[in-house]
């Protein structure tokens, strides 16, 4: 049985200044303006991928990340 894992990646959110990085996944799920630090956001995206995070939980994970 093949698992359908969501793949998340970092994108540069240029909507306003300062430019910040966000995470987007297949299917259009996207959370922007997470941090100005690419490496920090990339580590979060990798953790989401490793855990096979469902897109319905992405916003909650990002919110927890912002509070930490």
PDB file of N, CA and C in Angstrom:
ATOM      1  N   UNK A   1       0.841  -1.179   0.000  1.00  0.00           N
ATOM      2  CA  UNK A   1       0.000   0.000   0.000  1.00  0.00           C
ATOM      3  C   UNK A   1       0.890   1.247   0.000  1.00  0.00           C
ATOM      4  N   UNK A   2       0.685   2.120  -0.938  1.00  0.00           N
ATOM      5  CA  UNK A   2       1.484   3.331  -1.069  1.00  0.00           C
ATOM      6  C   UNK A   2       0.918   4.437  -0.190  1.00  0.00           C
ATOM      7  N   UNK A   3       1.796   5.074   0.585  1.00  0.00           N
ATOM      8  CA  UNK A   3       1.361   6.196   1.403  1.00  0.00           C
ATOM      9  C   UNK A   3       1.477   7.478   0.601  1.00  0.00           C
ATOM     10  N   UNK A   4       0.520   8.351   0.760  1.00  0.00           N
ATOM     11  CA  UNK A   4       0.517   9.626   0.055  1.00  0.00           C
ATOM     12  C   UNK A   4       0.980  10.710   1.023  1.00  0.00           C
ATOM     13  N   UNK A   5       2.315  10.899   1.131  1.00  0.00           N
ATOM     14  CA  UNK A   5       2.857  11.904   2.039  1.00  0.00           C
ATOM     15  C   UNK A   5       2.829  13.277   1.390  1.00  0.00           C
ATOM     16  N   UNK A   6       2.421  14.245   2.144  1.00  0.00           N
ATOM     17  CA  UNK A   6       2.471  15.631   1.708  1.00  0.00           C
ATOM     18  C   UNK A   6       3.923  16.066   1.738  1.00  0.00           C
ATOM     19  N   UNK A   7       4.356  16.737   0.725  1.00  0.00           N
ATOM     20  CA  UNK A   7       5.720  17.242   0.688  1.00  0.00           C
ATOM     21  C   UNK A   7       5.690  18.751   0.872  1.00  0.00           C
ATOM     22  N   UNK A   8       6.359  19.207   1.903  1.00  0.00           N
ATOM     23  CA  UNK A   8       6.417  20.630   2.219  1.00  0.00           C
ATOM     24  C   UNK A   8       7.757  21.200   1.784  1.00  0.00           C
ATOM     25  N   UNK A   9       7.729  22.455   1.371  1.00  0.00           N
ATOM     26  CA  UNK A   9       8.963  23.138   0.991  1.00  0.00           C
ATOM     27  C   UNK A   9       8.863  24.598   1.415  1.00  0.00           C
ATOM     28  N   UNK A  10      10.012  25.233   1.498  1.00  0.00           N
ATOM     29  CA  UNK A  10      10.100  26.637   1.894  1.00  0.00           C
ATOM     30  C   UNK A  10       9.889  27.510   0.661  1.00  0.00           C
ATOM     31  N   UNK A  11       9.184  28.604   0.847  1.00  0.00           N
ATOM     32  CA  UNK A  11       9.062  29.599  -0.228  1.00  0.00           C
ATOM     33  C   UNK A  11       9.288  30.983   0.360  1.00  0.00           C
ATOM     34  N   UNK A  12       9.714  31.907  -0.485  1.00  0.00           N
ATOM     35  CA  UNK A  12       9.951  33.285  -0.069  1.00  0.00           C
ATOM     36  C   UNK A  12       8.665  34.070  -0.253  1.00  0.00           C
ATOM     37  N   UNK A  13       8.124  34.567   0.846  1.00  0.00           N
ATOM     38  CA  UNK A  13       6.892  35.354   0.832  1.00  0.00           C
ATOM     39  C   UNK A  13       7.282  36.817   0.652  1.00  0.00           C
ATOM     40  N   UNK A  14       7.075  37.354  -0.539  1.00  0.00           N
ATOM     41  CA  UNK A  14       7.499  38.710  -0.869  1.00  0.00           C
ATOM     42  C   UNK A  14       6.359  39.717  -0.801  1.00  0.00           C
ATOM     43  N   UNK A  15       5.243  39.347  -0.176  1.00  0.00           N
ATOM     44  CA  UNK A  15       4.056  40.192  -0.160  1.00  0.00           C
ATOM     45  C   UNK A  15       4.293  41.536   0.519  1.00  0.00           C
ATOM     46  N   UNK A  16       5.110  41.579   1.539  1.00  0.00           N
ATOM     47  CA  UNK A  16       5.379  42.832   2.237  1.00  0.00           C
ATOM     48  C   UNK A  16       6.765  42.752   2.871  1.00  0.00           C
ATOM     49  N   UNK A  17       7.208  43.890   3.375  1.00  0.00           N
ATOM     50  CA  UNK A  17       8.527  43.936   3.998  1.00  0.00           C
ATOM     51  C   UNK A  17       8.413  43.761   5.493  1.00  0.00           C
ATOM     52  N   UNK A  18       9.316  43.115   6.154  1.00  0.00           N
ATOM     53  CA  UNK A  18      10.461  42.439   5.540  1.00  0.00           C
ATOM     54  C   UNK A  18      10.005  41.159   4.846  1.00  0.00           C
ATOM     55  N   UNK A  19      10.784  40.759   3.845  1.00  0.00           N
ATOM     56  CA  UNK A  19      10.483  39.504   3.173  1.00  0.00           C
ATOM     57  C   UNK A  19      10.722  38.368   4.161  1.00  0.00           C
ATOM     58  N   UNK A  20       9.793  37.432   4.184  1.00  0.00           N
ATOM     59  CA  UNK A  20       9.886  36.317   5.120  1.00  0.00           C
ATOM     60  C   UNK A  20       9.649  35.013   4.378  1.00  0.00           C
ATOM     61  N   UNK A  21      10.018  33.933   5.026  1.00  0.00           N
ATOM     62  CA  UNK A  21       9.838  32.609   4.448  1.00  0.00           C
ATOM     63  C   UNK A  21       8.594  31.955   5.014  1.00  0.00           C
ATOM     64  N   UNK A  22       7.983  31.149   4.188  1.00  0.00           N
ATOM     65  CA  UNK A  22       6.820  30.378   4.579  1.00  0.00           C
ATOM     66  C   UNK A  22       6.994  28.944   4.122  1.00  0.00           C
ATOM     67  N   UNK A  23       5.980  28.135   4.395  1.00  0.00           N
ATOM     68  CA  UNK A  23       5.979  26.730   3.983  1.00  0.00           C
ATOM     69  C   UNK A  23       4.765  26.487   3.106  1.00  0.00           C
ATOM     70  N   UNK A  24       4.991  25.778   2.015  1.00  0.00           N
ATOM     71  CA  UNK A  24       3.868  25.378   1.169  1.00  0.00           C
ATOM     72  C   UNK A  24       3.994  23.900   0.853  1.00  0.00           C
ATOM     73  N   UNK A  25       2.840  23.309   0.613  1.00  0.00           N
ATOM     74  CA  UNK A  25       2.810  21.890   0.280  1.00  0.00           C
ATOM     75  C   UNK A  25       2.024  21.658  -0.984  1.00  0.00           C
ATOM     76  N   UNK A  26       2.090  20.431  -1.451  1.00  0.00           N
ATOM     77  CA  UNK A  26       1.304  20.070  -2.630  1.00  0.00           C
ATOM     78  C   UNK A  26      -0.171  20.283  -2.331  1.00  0.00           C
ATOM     79  N   UNK A  27      -0.928  20.634  -3.342  1.00  0.00           N
ATOM     80  CA  UNK A  27      -2.358  20.837  -3.166  1.00  0.00           C
ATOM     81  C   UNK A  27      -2.721  22.250  -2.756  1.00  0.00           C
ATOM     82  N   UNK A  28      -1.729  23.142  -2.690  1.00  0.00           N
ATOM     83  CA  UNK A  28      -2.013  24.544  -2.419  1.00  0.00           C
ATOM     84  C   UNK A  28      -2.001  24.975  -0.970  1.00  0.00           C
ATOM     85  N   UNK A  29      -1.780  24.043  -0.034  1.00  0.00           N
ATOM     86  CA  UNK A  29      -1.716  24.447   1.372  1.00  0.00           C
ATOM     87  C   UNK A  29      -0.477  25.306   1.562  1.00  0.00           C
ATOM     88  N   UNK A  30      -0.643  26.426   2.283  1.00  0.00           N
ATOM     89  CA  UNK A  30       0.454  27.379   2.419  1.00  0.00           C
ATOM     90  C   UNK A  30       0.281  28.174   3.713  1.00  0.00           C
ATOM     91  N   UNK A  31       1.390  28.352   4.424  1.00  0.00           N
ATOM     92  CA  UNK A  31       1.422  29.233   5.590  1.00  0.00           C
ATOM     93  C   UNK A  31       2.603  30.164   5.384  1.00  0.00           C
ATOM     94  N   UNK A  32       2.335  31.445   5.301  1.00  0.00           N
ATOM     95  CA  UNK A  32       3.376  32.421   5.020  1.00  0.00           C
ATOM     96  C   UNK A  32       3.842  33.174   6.242  1.00  0.00           C
ATOM     97  N   UNK A  33       4.893  33.966   6.017  1.00  0.00           N
ATOM     98  CA  UNK A  33       5.435  34.883   7.008  1.00  0.00           C
ATOM     99  C   UNK A  33       5.752  34.195   8.338  1.00  0.00           C
ATOM    100  N   UNK A  34       6.530  33.122   8.240  1.00  0.00           N
ATOM    101  CA  UNK A  34       6.915  32.384   9.444  1.00  0.00           C
ATOM    102  C   UNK A  34       8.146  32.998  10.084  1.00  0.00           C
ATOM    103  N   UNK A  35       9.184  33.264   9.281  1.00  0.00           N
ATOM    104  CA  UNK A  35      10.441  33.783   9.814  1.00  0.00           C
ATOM    105  C   UNK A  35      11.273  34.369   8.683  1.00  0.00           C
ATOM    106  N   UNK A  36      12.213  35.245   9.040  1.00  0.00           N
ATOM    107  CA  UNK A  36      13.172  35.766   8.059  1.00  0.00           C
ATOM    108  C   UNK A  36      14.367  34.827   7.902  1.00  0.00           C
ATOM    109  N   UNK A  37      14.454  33.807   8.738  1.00  0.00           N
ATOM    110  CA  UNK A  37      15.567  32.858   8.748  1.00  0.00           C
ATOM    111  C   UNK A  37      15.216  31.620   7.921  1.00  0.00           C
ATOM    112  N   UNK A  38      15.825  31.515   6.739  1.00  0.00           N
ATOM    113  CA  UNK A  38      15.547  30.387   5.847  1.00  0.00           C
ATOM    114  C   UNK A  38      15.827  29.051   6.519  1.00  0.00           C
ATOM    115  N   UNK A  39      16.985  28.934   7.183  1.00  0.00           N
ATOM    116  CA  UNK A  39      17.379  27.659   7.793  1.00  0.00           C
ATOM    117  C   UNK A  39      16.370  27.200   8.838  1.00  0.00           C
ATOM    118  N   UNK A  40      15.866  28.131   9.608  1.00  0.00           N
ATOM    119  CA  UNK A  40      14.882  27.811  10.642  1.00  0.00           C
ATOM    120  C   UNK A  40      13.603  27.248  10.018  1.00  0.00           C
ATOM    121  N   UNK A  41      13.115  27.901   8.975  1.00  0.00           N
ATOM    122  CA  UNK A  41      11.888  27.459   8.308  1.00  0.00           C
ATOM    123  C   UNK A  41      12.138  26.146   7.566  1.00  0.00           C
ATOM    124  N   UNK A  42      13.316  25.992   6.993  1.00  0.00           N
ATOM    125  CA  UNK A  42      13.645  24.754   6.298  1.00  0.00           C
ATOM    126  C   UNK A  42      13.668  23.567   7.261  1.00  0.00           C
ATOM    127  N   UNK A  43      14.213  23.766   8.460  1.00  0.00           N
ATOM    128  CA  UNK A  43      14.210  22.695   9.460  1.00  0.00           C
ATOM    129  C   UNK A  43      12.776  22.308   9.828  1.00  0.00           C
ATOM    130  N   UNK A  44      11.908  23.298   9.954  1.00  0.00           N
ATOM    131  CA  UNK A  44      10.508  23.013  10.264  1.00  0.00           C
ATOM    132  C   UNK A  44       9.858  22.223   9.130  1.00  0.00           C
ATOM    133  N   UNK A  45      10.096  22.619   7.888  1.00  0.00           N
ATOM    134  CA  UNK A  45       9.537  21.904   6.732  1.00  0.00           C
ATOM    135  C   UNK A  45      10.043  20.462   6.706  1.00  0.00           C
ATOM    136  N   UNK A  46      11.329  20.260   6.989  1.00  0.00           N
ATOM    137  CA  UNK A  46      11.888  18.907   7.009  1.00  0.00           C
ATOM    138  C   UNK A  46      11.247  18.057   8.095  1.00  0.00           C
ATOM    139  N   UNK A  47      10.994  18.661   9.249  1.00  0.00           N
ATOM    140  CA  UNK A  47      10.319  17.930  10.329  1.00  0.00           C
ATOM    141  C   UNK A  47       8.898  17.533   9.920  1.00  0.00           C
ATOM    142  N   UNK A  48       8.211  18.440   9.265  1.00  0.00           N
ATOM    143  CA  UNK A  48       6.856  18.147   8.785  1.00  0.00           C
ATOM    144  C   UNK A  48       6.883  17.002   7.783  1.00  0.00           C
ATOM    145  N   UNK A  49       7.863  17.011   6.891  1.00  0.00           N
ATOM    146  CA  UNK A  49       7.999  15.934   5.913  1.00  0.00           C
ATOM    147  C   UNK A  49       8.338  14.608   6.587  1.00  0.00           C
ATOM    148  N   UNK A  50       9.260  14.639   7.524  1.00  0.00           N
ATOM    149  CA  UNK A  50       9.679  13.414   8.217  1.00  0.00           C
ATOM    150  C   UNK A  50       8.525  12.779   8.981  1.00  0.00           C
ATOM    151  N   UNK A  51       7.690  13.618   9.546  1.00  0.00           N
ATOM    152  CA  UNK A  51       6.558  13.122  10.329  1.00  0.00           C
ATOM    153  C   UNK A  51       5.364  12.742   9.464  1.00  0.00           C
ATOM    154  N   UNK A  52       5.423  13.062   8.169  1.00  0.00           N
ATOM    155  CA  UNK A  52       4.276  12.788   7.301  1.00  0.00           C
ATOM    156  C   UNK A  52       3.062  13.613   7.711  1.00  0.00           C
ATOM    157  N   UNK A  53       3.323  14.856   8.091  1.00  0.00           N
ATOM    158  CA  UNK A  53       2.276  15.729   8.617  1.00  0.00           C
ATOM    159  C   UNK A  53       1.140  15.933   7.627  1.00  0.00           C
ATOM    160  N   UNK A  54      -0.070  15.771   8.093  1.00  0.00           N
ATOM    161  CA  UNK A  54      -1.258  16.032   7.284  1.00  0.00           C
ATOM    162  C   UNK A  54      -1.400  17.540   7.100  1.00  0.00           C
ATOM    163  N   UNK A  55      -1.839  17.972   5.919  1.00  0.00           N
ATOM    164  CA  UNK A  55      -1.978  19.408   5.682  1.00  0.00           C
ATOM    165  C   UNK A  55      -2.979  20.091   6.617  1.00  0.00           C
ATOM    166  N   UNK A  56      -3.908  19.350   7.169  1.00  0.00           N
ATOM    167  CA  UNK A  56      -4.872  19.986   8.077  1.00  0.00           C
ATOM    168  C   UNK A  56      -4.225  20.424   9.386  1.00  0.00           C
ATOM    169  N   UNK A  57      -3.025  19.908   9.670  1.00  0.00           N
ATOM    170  CA  UNK A  57      -2.329  20.255  10.911  1.00  0.00           C
ATOM    171  C   UNK A  57      -1.220  21.281  10.723  1.00  0.00           C
ATOM    172  N   UNK A  58      -0.930  21.673   9.492  1.00  0.00           N
ATOM    173  CA  UNK A  58       0.201  22.572   9.238  1.00  0.00           C
ATOM    174  C   UNK A  58       0.068  23.895   9.986  1.00  0.00           C
ATOM    175  N   UNK A  59      -1.081  24.521   9.934  1.00  0.00           N
ATOM    176  CA  UNK A  59      -1.260  25.820  10.599  1.00  0.00           C
ATOM    177  C   UNK A  59      -1.030  25.710  12.105  1.00  0.00           C
ATOM    178  N   UNK A  60      -1.484  24.617  12.723  1.00  0.00           N
ATOM    179  CA  UNK A  60      -1.276  24.430  14.163  1.00  0.00           C
ATOM    180  C   UNK A  60       0.201  24.232  14.494  1.00  0.00           C
ATOM    181  N   UNK A  61       0.899  23.469  13.661  1.00  0.00           N
ATOM    182  CA  UNK A  61       2.327  23.243  13.884  1.00  0.00           C
ATOM    183  C   UNK A  61       3.098  24.555  13.756  1.00  0.00           C
ATOM    184  N   UNK A  62       2.756  25.352  12.764  1.00  0.00           N
ATOM    185  CA  UNK A  62       3.429  26.647  12.583  1.00  0.00           C
ATOM    186  C   UNK A  62       3.128  27.567  13.757  1.00  0.00           C
ATOM    187  N   UNK A  63       1.904  27.578  14.218  1.00  0.00           N
ATOM    188  CA  UNK A  63       1.551  28.411  15.378  1.00  0.00           C
ATOM    189  C   UNK A  63       2.362  28.001  16.611  1.00  0.00           C
ATOM    190  N   UNK A  64       2.478  26.708  16.856  1.00  0.00           N
ATOM    191  CA  UNK A  64       3.305  26.230  17.978  1.00  0.00           C
ATOM    192  C   UNK A  64       4.763  26.631  17.785  1.00  0.00           C
ATOM    193  N   UNK A  65       5.258  26.532  16.566  1.00  0.00           N
ATOM    194  CA  UNK A  65       6.633  26.907  16.251  1.00  0.00           C
ATOM    195  C   UNK A  65       6.863  28.396  16.543  1.00  0.00           C
ATOM    196  N   UNK A  66       5.927  29.236  16.167  1.00  0.00           N
ATOM    197  CA  UNK A  66       6.064  30.679  16.396  1.00  0.00           C
ATOM    198  C   UNK A  66       6.087  31.006  17.888  1.00  0.00           C
ATOM    199  N   UNK A  67       5.379  30.244  18.677  1.00  0.00           N
ATOM    200  CA  UNK A  67       5.303  30.502  20.109  1.00  0.00           C
ATOM    201  C   UNK A  67       6.518  29.979  20.871  1.00  0.00           C
ATOM    202  N   UNK A  68       7.303  29.124  20.236  1.00  0.00           N
ATOM    203  CA  UNK A  68       8.447  28.531  20.957  1.00  0.00           C
ATOM    204  C   UNK A  68       9.677  29.417  20.885  1.00  0.00           C
TER     205      UNK A  68
END
